[in-house]
Amino acid sequence: MSIKLEHINYIYNPGDAYERHALKDINLEIPQGQFVGIIGHTGSGKSTLIQHLNGLIKATSGQLYYEGKNIYEAGYNMRTLRTQVGLVFQYPEHQLFEVDVLTDVCFGPKNQGLSEEDCMKRAKEALELVQFPEKYYRQSPFELSGGQKRRVAIAGVLAMKPKVLVLDEPTAGLDPQGRDDILDQIARLHKETDMTVILVSHSMEDIARYVDRIIVMNHGEKMFDGEPKAVFAHYKELEQIGLAAPQVTYIMHDLKERGLDVRTDATTVEEAADEIMRCYHD
């Protein structure tokens, strides 16, 4: 087991007129090596939830365990936790601050106490993993495009070799090719390293394509938690809270209503194509 949340509650501005209950009695386990998607409308508690996972914010009540240890116990080393549970923010410029790209990616390993040589090796390996062009290594990270900034931010976390990678809308604002490139690389890392990946996204197609499990947040509560096919079977309920299923889900239901004997649980284009071909060949 990697991460466990028990009765987590979080209240913004407790006790005053702006009090808001952002998380309500969240119970959750995420085993090592799982690829998890978290979805929900704006204000549902997604970002608040993931910021608890590496101790960036502390629950108002409840307990959170990482590898069996309660991170809220006195003496727990939060610095170590944050090298093991790496968080990439929605806006990458929030975690870029050094004079050039290579120095920026070295920052995490340097804080881990690695030598300059080892930091440089880690940084170059991480930048290669996210396919960042070597010709920009000595460029200021603030002069990069949005997609390049995201790659550098992800590389900065990967350079610390975390066991858990948490990504908050890592492809927001990118063109389709840039989005696919980044997510394909993350999926490859997940398979090759058994890294736990937690992906927050508004794209139902991305979620359906990559993750093993979906957690749906709604008004600070966990509404659904299961495999993509099981969660997207509730597409009408998801619509009621401002979400949707992947487009192929609607296509398959439409084909079924038109008399084609297809299964309606396809969540990716590839699954839908296979099911339609099967139907025609039967």
C-alpha atoms as a PDB file:
ATOM      1  CA  MET A   1       0.000   0.000   0.000  1.00  0.00           C
ATOM      2  CA  SER A   2       1.323   3.432  -0.875  1.00  0.00           C
ATOM      3  CA  ILE A   3      -1.158   6.088   0.314  1.00  0.00           C
ATOM      4  CA  LYS A   4      -4.142   5.810   2.665  1.00  0.00           C
ATOM      5  CA  LEU A   5      -6.542   8.556   3.742  1.00  0.00           C
ATOM      6  CA  GLU A   6      -8.845   8.007   6.725  1.00  0.00           C
ATOM      7  CA  HIS A   7     -11.762  10.386   7.383  1.00  0.00           C
ATOM      8  CA  ILE A   8      -9.958  13.379   5.879  1.00  0.00           C
ATOM      9  CA  ASN A   9     -11.754  16.709   6.270  1.00  0.00           C
ATOM     10  CA  TYR A  10     -10.431  20.074   5.230  1.00  0.00           C
ATOM     11  CA  ILE A  11     -12.026  23.445   6.006  1.00  0.00           C
ATOM     12  CA  TYR A  12     -10.839  26.702   4.490  1.00  0.00           C
ATOM     13  CA  ASN A  13     -11.025  29.725   6.837  1.00  0.00           C
ATOM     14  CA  PRO A  14     -12.564  27.794   9.747  1.00  0.00           C
ATOM     15  CA  GLY A  15     -14.672  29.822  12.126  1.00  0.00           C
ATOM     16  CA  ASP A  16     -15.223  32.920  10.002  1.00  0.00           C
ATOM     17  CA  ALA A  17     -17.766  34.114   7.445  1.00  0.00           C
ATOM     18  CA  TYR A  18     -15.754  32.629   4.553  1.00  0.00           C
ATOM     19  CA  GLU A  19     -15.571  29.121   6.009  1.00  0.00           C
ATOM     20  CA  ARG A  20     -15.782  26.417   3.330  1.00  0.00           C
ATOM     21  CA  HIS A  21     -15.767  22.661   3.824  1.00  0.00           C
ATOM     22  CA  ALA A  22     -13.540  21.637   0.890  1.00  0.00           C
ATOM     23  CA  LEU A  23     -13.108  17.927   1.729  1.00  0.00           C
ATOM     24  CA  LYS A  24     -15.693  15.865   3.585  1.00  0.00           C
ATOM     25  CA  ASP A  25     -14.805  12.544   5.224  1.00  0.00           C
ATOM     26  CA  ILE A  26     -12.548  11.228   2.448  1.00  0.00           C
ATOM     27  CA  ASN A  27     -11.548   7.577   2.815  1.00  0.00           C
ATOM     28  CA  LEU A  28      -9.196   6.369   0.138  1.00  0.00           C
ATOM     29  CA  GLU A  29      -6.372   3.913  -0.564  1.00  0.00           C
ATOM     30  CA  ILE A  30      -4.023   4.136  -3.528  1.00  0.00           C
ATOM     31  CA  PRO A  31      -1.713   1.125  -3.879  1.00  0.00           C
ATOM     32  CA  GLN A  32       1.802   1.373  -5.283  1.00  0.00           C
ATOM     33  CA  GLY A  33       1.926   1.225  -9.074  1.00  0.00           C
ATOM     34  CA  GLN A  34      -1.650   2.265  -9.797  1.00  0.00           C
ATOM     35  CA  PHE A  35      -2.547   4.879 -12.427  1.00  0.00           C
ATOM     36  CA  VAL A  36      -5.404   6.929 -10.941  1.00  0.00           C
ATOM     37  CA  GLY A  37      -7.484   9.657 -12.552  1.00  0.00           C
ATOM     38  CA  ILE A  38      -9.270  12.284 -10.459  1.00  0.00           C
ATOM     39  CA  ILE A  39     -12.116  14.218 -12.077  1.00  0.00           C
ATOM     40  CA  GLY A  40     -14.671  16.743 -10.894  1.00  0.00           C
ATOM     41  CA  HIS A  41     -16.062  20.143 -11.764  1.00  0.00           C
ATOM     42  CA  THR A  42     -14.340  23.342 -10.639  1.00  0.00           C
ATOM     43  CA  GLY A  43     -14.505  23.617  -6.844  1.00  0.00           C
ATOM     44  CA  SER A  44     -15.153  19.903  -6.324  1.00  0.00           C
ATOM     45  CA  GLY A  45     -12.062  19.424  -4.141  1.00  0.00           C
ATOM     46  CA  LYS A  46      -9.667  17.815  -6.656  1.00  0.00           C
ATOM     47  CA  SER A  47      -6.724  20.159  -6.155  1.00  0.00           C
ATOM     48  CA  THR A  48      -7.286  20.361  -2.404  1.00  0.00           C
ATOM     49  CA  LEU A  49      -7.220  16.575  -2.223  1.00  0.00           C
ATOM     50  CA  ILE A  50      -3.952  16.104  -4.095  1.00  0.00           C
ATOM     51  CA  GLN A  51      -2.201  18.818  -2.076  1.00  0.00           C
ATOM     52  CA  HIS A  52      -2.780  16.654   0.999  1.00  0.00           C
ATOM     53  CA  LEU A  53      -0.894  13.745  -0.555  1.00  0.00           C
ATOM     54  CA  ASN A  54       2.562  15.235  -0.039  1.00  0.00           C
ATOM     55  CA  GLY A  55       1.720  17.275   3.048  1.00  0.00           C
ATOM     56  CA  LEU A  56       1.510  20.605   1.227  1.00  0.00           C
ATOM     57  CA  ILE A  57      -1.632  21.282   3.258  1.00  0.00           C
ATOM     58  CA  LYS A  58      -2.719  19.509   6.423  1.00  0.00           C
ATOM     59  CA  ALA A  59      -6.167  18.064   7.035  1.00  0.00           C
ATOM     60  CA  THR A  60      -8.439  19.793   9.521  1.00  0.00           C
ATOM     61  CA  SER A  61      -9.216  16.319  10.842  1.00  0.00           C
ATOM     62  CA  GLY A  62      -8.457  12.729   9.864  1.00  0.00           C
ATOM     63  CA  GLN A  63      -5.243  10.813   9.204  1.00  0.00           C
ATOM     64  CA  LEU A  64      -3.057  10.273   6.154  1.00  0.00           C
ATOM     65  CA  TYR A  65      -0.580   7.407   5.852  1.00  0.00           C
ATOM     66  CA  TYR A  66       2.295   7.015   3.418  1.00  0.00           C
ATOM     67  CA  GLU A  67       3.833   3.541   3.298  1.00  0.00           C
ATOM     68  CA  GLY A  68       2.136   2.729   6.586  1.00  0.00           C
ATOM     69  CA  LYS A  69       3.378   5.789   8.509  1.00  0.00           C
ATOM     70  CA  ASN A  70       1.103   8.585   9.689  1.00  0.00           C
ATOM     71  CA  ILE A  71       2.451  11.805   8.186  1.00  0.00           C
ATOM     72  CA  TYR A  72       0.725  13.872  10.899  1.00  0.00           C
ATOM     73  CA  GLU A  73       2.647  12.274  13.756  1.00  0.00           C
ATOM     74  CA  ALA A  74       5.200  14.481  15.496  1.00  0.00           C
ATOM     75  CA  GLY A  75       8.656  14.115  14.010  1.00  0.00           C
ATOM     76  CA  TYR A  76       7.529  12.846  10.612  1.00  0.00           C
ATOM     77  CA  ASN A  77       9.963  14.031   7.927  1.00  0.00           C
ATOM     78  CA  MET A  78       7.874  16.030   5.452  1.00  0.00           C
ATOM     79  CA  ARG A  79      10.942  16.845   3.382  1.00  0.00           C
ATOM     80  CA  THR A  80      11.478  13.158   2.663  1.00  0.00           C
ATOM     81  CA  LEU A  81       7.791  12.708   1.876  1.00  0.00           C
ATOM     82  CA  ARG A  82       7.931  15.457  -0.760  1.00  0.00           C
ATOM     83  CA  THR A  83      10.806  13.763  -2.545  1.00  0.00           C
ATOM     84  CA  GLN A  84       8.807  10.507  -2.622  1.00  0.00           C
ATOM     85  CA  VAL A  85       5.460  12.069  -3.575  1.00  0.00           C
ATOM     86  CA  GLY A  86       6.165  14.571  -6.346  1.00  0.00           C
ATOM     87  CA  LEU A  87       3.502  17.144  -7.219  1.00  0.00           C
ATOM     88  CA  VAL A  88       3.414  18.994 -10.552  1.00  0.00           C
ATOM     89  CA  PHE A  89       1.149  22.029 -10.327  1.00  0.00           C
ATOM     90  CA  GLN A  90      -1.414  23.076 -12.919  1.00  0.00           C
ATOM     91  CA  TYR A  91       0.596  26.235 -13.607  1.00  0.00           C
ATOM     92  CA  PRO A  92       4.229  25.105 -14.074  1.00  0.00           C
ATOM     93  CA  GLU A  93       5.670  28.589 -13.619  1.00  0.00           C
ATOM     94  CA  HIS A  94       4.856  28.174  -9.910  1.00  0.00           C
ATOM     95  CA  GLN A  95       7.716  25.679  -9.608  1.00  0.00           C
ATOM     96  CA  LEU A  96      10.256  27.182 -12.006  1.00  0.00           C
ATOM     97  CA  PHE A  97      12.657  29.683 -10.468  1.00  0.00           C
ATOM     98  CA  GLU A  98      16.295  29.050 -11.429  1.00  0.00           C
ATOM     99  CA  VAL A  99      18.409  30.903 -14.003  1.00  0.00           C
ATOM    100  CA  ASP A 100      18.295  28.141 -16.624  1.00  0.00           C
ATOM    101  CA  VAL A 101      16.514  24.870 -17.306  1.00  0.00           C
ATOM    102  CA  LEU A 102      19.305  22.519 -16.247  1.00  0.00           C
ATOM    103  CA  THR A 103      19.901  24.347 -12.963  1.00  0.00           C
ATOM    104  CA  ASP A 104      16.162  24.321 -12.288  1.00  0.00           C
ATOM    105  CA  VAL A 105      15.850  20.553 -12.740  1.00  0.00           C
ATOM    106  CA  CYS A 106      18.930  20.054 -10.529  1.00  0.00           C
ATOM    107  CA  PHE A 107      17.211  21.865  -7.640  1.00  0.00           C
ATOM    108  CA  GLY A 108      15.343  18.839  -6.247  1.00  0.00           C
ATOM    109  CA  PRO A 109      18.269  16.380  -6.303  1.00  0.00           C
ATOM    110  CA  LYS A 110      20.486  19.072  -4.779  1.00  0.00           C
ATOM    111  CA  ASN A 111      18.074  19.386  -1.846  1.00  0.00           C
ATOM    112  CA  GLN A 112      18.276  15.616  -1.455  1.00  0.00           C
ATOM    113  CA  GLY A 113      21.983  16.027  -0.726  1.00  0.00           C
ATOM    114  CA  LEU A 114      23.324  14.607  -3.989  1.00  0.00           C
ATOM    115  CA  SER A 115      26.670  15.710  -5.385  1.00  0.00           C
ATOM    116  CA  GLU A 116      26.789  18.218  -8.224  1.00  0.00           C
ATOM    117  CA  GLU A 117      27.780  15.436 -10.616  1.00  0.00           C
ATOM    118  CA  ASP A 118      24.867  13.231  -9.558  1.00  0.00           C
ATOM    119  CA  CYS A 119      22.441  16.172  -9.695  1.00  0.00           C
ATOM    120  CA  MET A 120      23.507  16.936 -13.247  1.00  0.00           C
ATOM    121  CA  LYS A 121      23.140  13.273 -14.238  1.00  0.00           C
ATOM    122  CA  ARG A 122      19.651  13.063 -12.711  1.00  0.00           C
ATOM    123  CA  ALA A 123      18.598  16.315 -14.382  1.00  0.00           C
ATOM    124  CA  LYS A 124      19.752  15.263 -17.851  1.00  0.00           C
ATOM    125  CA  GLU A 125      18.092  11.862 -17.509  1.00  0.00           C
ATOM    126  CA  ALA A 126      14.813  13.479 -16.454  1.00  0.00           C
ATOM    127  CA  LEU A 127      14.903  16.007 -19.295  1.00  0.00           C
ATOM    128  CA  GLU A 128      15.529  13.182 -21.759  1.00  0.00           C
ATOM    129  CA  LEU A 129      12.579  11.261 -20.323  1.00  0.00           C
ATOM    130  CA  VAL A 130      10.231  14.161 -21.083  1.00  0.00           C
ATOM    131  CA  GLN A 131      11.918  14.696 -24.486  1.00  0.00           C
ATOM    132  CA  PHE A 132      13.041  18.230 -23.748  1.00  0.00           C
ATOM    133  CA  PRO A 133      15.475  19.517 -26.436  1.00  0.00           C
ATOM    134  CA  GLU A 134      19.089  19.717 -25.240  1.00  0.00           C
ATOM    135  CA  LYS A 135      19.629  22.995 -27.101  1.00  0.00           C
ATOM    136  CA  TYR A 136      17.382  24.738 -24.542  1.00  0.00           C
ATOM    137  CA  TYR A 137      19.124  23.394 -21.409  1.00  0.00           C
ATOM    138  CA  ARG A 138      20.801  26.744 -20.677  1.00  0.00           C
ATOM    139  CA  GLN A 139      17.788  28.885 -21.520  1.00  0.00           C
ATOM    140  CA  SER A 140      15.757  30.673 -18.844  1.00  0.00           C
ATOM    141  CA  PRO A 141      12.675  28.563 -18.003  1.00  0.00           C
ATOM    142  CA  PHE A 142      10.583  31.744 -18.088  1.00  0.00           C
ATOM    143  CA  GLU A 143      11.317  32.188 -21.806  1.00  0.00           C
ATOM    144  CA  LEU A 144       9.880  28.796 -22.740  1.00  0.00           C
ATOM    145  CA  SER A 145       6.541  27.977 -24.303  1.00  0.00           C
ATOM    146  CA  GLY A 146       3.742  26.604 -22.127  1.00  0.00           C
ATOM    147  CA  GLY A 147       4.390  23.036 -23.249  1.00  0.00           C
ATOM    148  CA  GLN A 148       8.128  23.336 -22.623  1.00  0.00           C
ATOM    149  CA  LYS A 149       7.527  24.761 -19.141  1.00  0.00           C
ATOM    150  CA  ARG A 150       5.348  21.759 -18.329  1.00  0.00           C
ATOM    151  CA  ARG A 151       8.053  19.369 -19.478  1.00  0.00           C
ATOM    152  CA  VAL A 152      10.646  21.132 -17.317  1.00  0.00           C
ATOM    153  CA  ALA A 153       8.325  21.125 -14.283  1.00  0.00           C
ATOM    154  CA  ILE A 154       7.691  17.392 -14.710  1.00  0.00           C
ATOM    155  CA  ALA A 155      11.415  16.748 -15.216  1.00  0.00           C
ATOM    156  CA  GLY A 156      12.165  18.657 -12.011  1.00  0.00           C
ATOM    157  CA  VAL A 157       9.968  16.240 -10.081  1.00  0.00           C
ATOM    158  CA  LEU A 158      11.183  13.129 -11.936  1.00  0.00           C
ATOM    159  CA  ALA A 159      14.809  14.053 -11.183  1.00  0.00           C
ATOM    160  CA  MET A 160      14.084  13.309  -7.509  1.00  0.00           C
ATOM    161  CA  LYS A 161      12.993   9.777  -8.532  1.00  0.00           C
ATOM    162  CA  PRO A 162       9.670   9.849  -6.666  1.00  0.00           C
ATOM    163  CA  LYS A 163       7.587   6.756  -6.053  1.00  0.00           C
ATOM    164  CA  VAL A 164       4.395   8.739  -6.633  1.00  0.00           C
ATOM    165  CA  LEU A 165       3.864  11.344  -9.378  1.00  0.00           C
ATOM    166  CA  VAL A 166       0.870  13.667  -8.914  1.00  0.00           C
ATOM    167  CA  LEU A 167      -0.102  15.792 -11.925  1.00  0.00           C
ATOM    168  CA  ASP A 168      -2.657  18.602 -11.740  1.00  0.00           C
ATOM    169  CA  GLU A 169      -3.956  19.283 -15.276  1.00  0.00           C
ATOM    170  CA  PRO A 170      -0.529  18.693 -16.886  1.00  0.00           C
ATOM    171  CA  THR A 171      -1.817  19.226 -20.440  1.00  0.00           C
ATOM    172  CA  ALA A 172      -4.046  22.285 -19.933  1.00  0.00           C
ATOM    173  CA  GLY A 173      -3.655  24.705 -22.823  1.00  0.00           C
ATOM    174  CA  LEU A 174      -1.530  22.383 -24.958  1.00  0.00           C
ATOM    175  CA  ASP A 175      -2.260  21.442 -28.545  1.00  0.00           C
ATOM    176  CA  PRO A 176      -3.406  17.815 -29.144  1.00  0.00           C
ATOM    177  CA  GLN A 177       0.061  16.623 -30.185  1.00  0.00           C
ATOM    178  CA  GLY A 178       1.732  18.188 -27.141  1.00  0.00           C
ATOM    179  CA  ARG A 179      -0.929  16.695 -24.882  1.00  0.00           C
ATOM    180  CA  ASP A 180      -0.480  13.214 -26.322  1.00  0.00           C
ATOM    181  CA  ASP A 181       3.323  13.445 -26.165  1.00  0.00           C
ATOM    182  CA  ILE A 182       3.357  14.302 -22.457  1.00  0.00           C
ATOM    183  CA  LEU A 183       0.738  11.745 -21.432  1.00  0.00           C
ATOM    184  CA  ASP A 184       2.315   8.986 -23.530  1.00  0.00           C
ATOM    185  CA  GLN A 185       5.647   9.629 -21.806  1.00  0.00           C
ATOM    186  CA  ILE A 186       4.009   9.527 -18.387  1.00  0.00           C
ATOM    187  CA  ALA A 187       2.226   6.282 -19.277  1.00  0.00           C
ATOM    188  CA  ARG A 188       5.532   4.786 -20.422  1.00  0.00           C
ATOM    189  CA  LEU A 189       7.243   5.812 -17.176  1.00  0.00           C
ATOM    190  CA  HIS A 190       4.388   4.285 -15.210  1.00  0.00           C
ATOM    191  CA  LYS A 191       4.814   0.939 -16.969  1.00  0.00           C
ATOM    192  CA  GLU A 192       8.602   0.889 -16.888  1.00  0.00           C
ATOM    193  CA  THR A 193       9.126   1.984 -13.275  1.00  0.00           C
ATOM    194  CA  ASP A 194       5.942   0.873 -11.458  1.00  0.00           C
ATOM    195  CA  MET A 195       5.545   4.486 -10.382  1.00  0.00           C
ATOM    196  CA  THR A 196       2.177   5.438  -8.917  1.00  0.00           C
ATOM    197  CA  VAL A 197       0.618   8.154 -11.091  1.00  0.00           C
ATOM    198  CA  ILE A 198      -2.274  10.369 -10.000  1.00  0.00           C
ATOM    199  CA  LEU A 199      -3.679  12.475 -12.816  1.00  0.00           C
ATOM    200  CA  VAL A 200      -6.153  15.340 -12.393  1.00  0.00           C
ATOM    201  CA  SER A 201      -7.745  16.208 -15.729  1.00  0.00           C
ATOM    202  CA  HIS A 202     -10.835  17.725 -17.308  1.00  0.00           C
ATOM    203  CA  SER A 203     -10.371  15.560 -20.410  1.00  0.00           C
ATOM    204  CA  MET A 204     -12.532  12.459 -20.178  1.00  0.00           C
ATOM    205  CA  GLU A 205     -10.789  11.038 -23.263  1.00  0.00           C
ATOM    206  CA  ASP A 206      -7.385  11.317 -21.564  1.00  0.00           C
ATOM    207  CA  ILE A 207      -8.700   9.786 -18.369  1.00  0.00           C
ATOM    208  CA  ALA A 208     -10.339   6.886 -20.221  1.00  0.00           C
ATOM    209  CA  ARG A 209      -7.256   6.203 -22.291  1.00  0.00           C
ATOM    210  CA  TYR A 210      -4.611   6.121 -19.579  1.00  0.00           C
ATOM    211  CA  VAL A 211      -5.892   5.342 -16.086  1.00  0.00           C
ATOM    212  CA  ASP A 212      -6.736   2.124 -14.252  1.00  0.00           C
ATOM    213  CA  ARG A 213      -9.083   3.784 -11.796  1.00  0.00           C
ATOM    214  CA  ILE A 214     -11.188   6.943 -11.614  1.00  0.00           C
ATOM    215  CA  ILE A 215     -12.124   8.924  -8.519  1.00  0.00           C
ATOM    216  CA  VAL A 216     -14.973  11.394  -9.031  1.00  0.00           C
ATOM    217  CA  MET A 217     -15.126  14.346  -6.646  1.00  0.00           C
ATOM    218  CA  ASN A 218     -18.279  16.376  -6.098  1.00  0.00           C
ATOM    219  CA  HIS A 219     -18.667  19.191  -3.547  1.00  0.00           C
ATOM    220  CA  GLY A 220     -15.757  17.867  -1.508  1.00  0.00           C
ATOM    221  CA  GLU A 221     -17.016  14.284  -1.407  1.00  0.00           C
ATOM    222  CA  LYS A 222     -15.971  11.127  -3.209  1.00  0.00           C
ATOM    223  CA  MET A 223     -18.903  10.384  -5.510  1.00  0.00           C
ATOM    224  CA  PHE A 224     -17.576   7.414  -7.524  1.00  0.00           C
ATOM    225  CA  ASP A 225     -14.441   5.314  -7.298  1.00  0.00           C
ATOM    226  CA  GLY A 226     -13.765   2.441  -9.681  1.00  0.00           C
ATOM    227  CA  GLU A 227     -12.533   1.238 -13.060  1.00  0.00           C
ATOM    228  CA  PRO A 228     -13.244   3.590 -15.990  1.00  0.00           C
ATOM    229  CA  LYS A 229     -15.958   1.397 -17.513  1.00  0.00           C
ATOM    230  CA  ALA A 230     -17.814   1.205 -14.204  1.00  0.00           C
ATOM    231  CA  VAL A 231     -17.558   4.946 -13.536  1.00  0.00           C
ATOM    232  CA  PHE A 232     -18.547   6.048 -17.036  1.00  0.00           C
ATOM    233  CA  ALA A 233     -21.556   3.739 -16.914  1.00  0.00           C
ATOM    234  CA  HIS A 234     -22.949   6.501 -14.652  1.00  0.00           C
ATOM    235  CA  TYR A 235     -22.619   9.061 -17.451  1.00  0.00           C
ATOM    236  CA  LYS A 236     -26.066  10.530 -16.866  1.00  0.00           C
ATOM    237  CA  GLU A 237     -25.253  11.157 -13.205  1.00  0.00           C
ATOM    238  CA  LEU A 238     -21.920  12.668 -14.231  1.00  0.00           C
ATOM    239  CA  GLU A 239     -23.779  15.041 -16.550  1.00  0.00           C
ATOM    240  CA  GLN A 240     -25.859  16.239 -13.614  1.00  0.00           C
ATOM    241  CA  ILE A 241     -22.707  17.475 -11.845  1.00  0.00           C
ATOM    242  CA  GLY A 242     -21.235  19.156 -14.925  1.00  0.00           C
ATOM    243  CA  LEU A 243     -19.100  16.274 -16.185  1.00  0.00           C
ATOM    244  CA  ALA A 244     -19.471  13.837 -19.063  1.00  0.00           C
ATOM    245  CA  ALA A 245     -18.257  10.517 -20.387  1.00  0.00           C
ATOM    246  CA  PRO A 246     -15.844  10.145 -23.333  1.00  0.00           C
ATOM    247  CA  GLN A 247     -17.493  10.861 -26.679  1.00  0.00           C
ATOM    248  CA  VAL A 248     -17.316   7.205 -27.714  1.00  0.00           C
ATOM    249  CA  THR A 249     -19.595   6.317 -24.794  1.00  0.00           C
ATOM    250  CA  TYR A 250     -22.347   8.446 -26.294  1.00  0.00           C
ATOM    251  CA  ILE A 251     -21.687   7.076 -29.784  1.00  0.00           C
ATOM    252  CA  MET A 252     -21.998   3.486 -28.571  1.00  0.00           C
ATOM    253  CA  HIS A 253     -25.254   4.223 -26.742  1.00  0.00           C
ATOM    254  CA  ASP A 254     -26.596   5.923 -29.869  1.00  0.00           C
ATOM    255  CA  LEU A 255     -25.695   2.917 -32.030  1.00  0.00           C
ATOM    256  CA  LYS A 256     -27.395   0.634 -29.520  1.00  0.00           C
ATOM    257  CA  GLU A 257     -30.572   2.734 -29.644  1.00  0.00           C
ATOM    258  CA  ARG A 258     -30.476   2.545 -33.444  1.00  0.00           C
ATOM    259  CA  GLY A 259     -30.565  -1.243 -33.281  1.00  0.00           C
ATOM    260  CA  LEU A 260     -26.898  -2.230 -33.590  1.00  0.00           C
ATOM    261  CA  ASP A 261     -26.130  -4.984 -31.080  1.00  0.00           C
ATOM    262  CA  VAL A 262     -23.024  -3.383 -29.545  1.00  0.00           C
ATOM    263  CA  ARG A 263     -21.786  -3.266 -26.005  1.00  0.00           C
ATOM    264  CA  THR A 264     -21.985   0.254 -24.620  1.00  0.00           C
ATOM    265  CA  ASP A 265     -19.058   0.173 -22.172  1.00  0.00           C
ATOM    266  CA  ALA A 266     -16.320   1.186 -24.631  1.00  0.00           C
ATOM    267  CA  THR A 267     -14.359   4.164 -23.302  1.00  0.00           C
ATOM    268  CA  THR A 268     -11.682   4.599 -25.999  1.00  0.00           C
ATOM    269  CA  VAL A 269     -11.783   4.920 -29.763  1.00  0.00           C
ATOM    270  CA  GLU A 270      -9.872   1.653 -30.117  1.00  0.00           C
ATOM    271  CA  GLU A 271     -12.361  -0.246 -27.959  1.00  0.00           C
ATOM    272  CA  ALA A 272     -15.298   1.229 -29.856  1.00  0.00           C
ATOM    273  CA  ALA A 273     -13.794   0.316 -33.235  1.00  0.00           C
ATOM    274  CA  ASP A 274     -13.144  -3.267 -32.097  1.00  0.00           C
ATOM    275  CA  GLU A 275     -16.683  -3.609 -30.785  1.00  0.00           C
ATOM    276  CA  ILE A 276     -18.265  -2.249 -33.979  1.00  0.00           C
ATOM    277  CA  MET A 277     -16.134  -4.595 -36.114  1.00  0.00           C
ATOM    278  CA  ARG A 278     -17.099  -7.537 -33.887  1.00  0.00           C
ATOM    279  CA  CYS A 279     -20.734  -6.670 -34.283  1.00  0.00           C
ATOM    280  CA  TYR A 280     -20.516  -6.610 -38.073  1.00  0.00           C
ATOM    281  CA  HIS A 281     -18.519  -9.859 -38.229  1.00  0.00           C
ATOM    282  CA  ASP A 282     -20.907 -11.810 -35.970  1.00  0.00           C
END
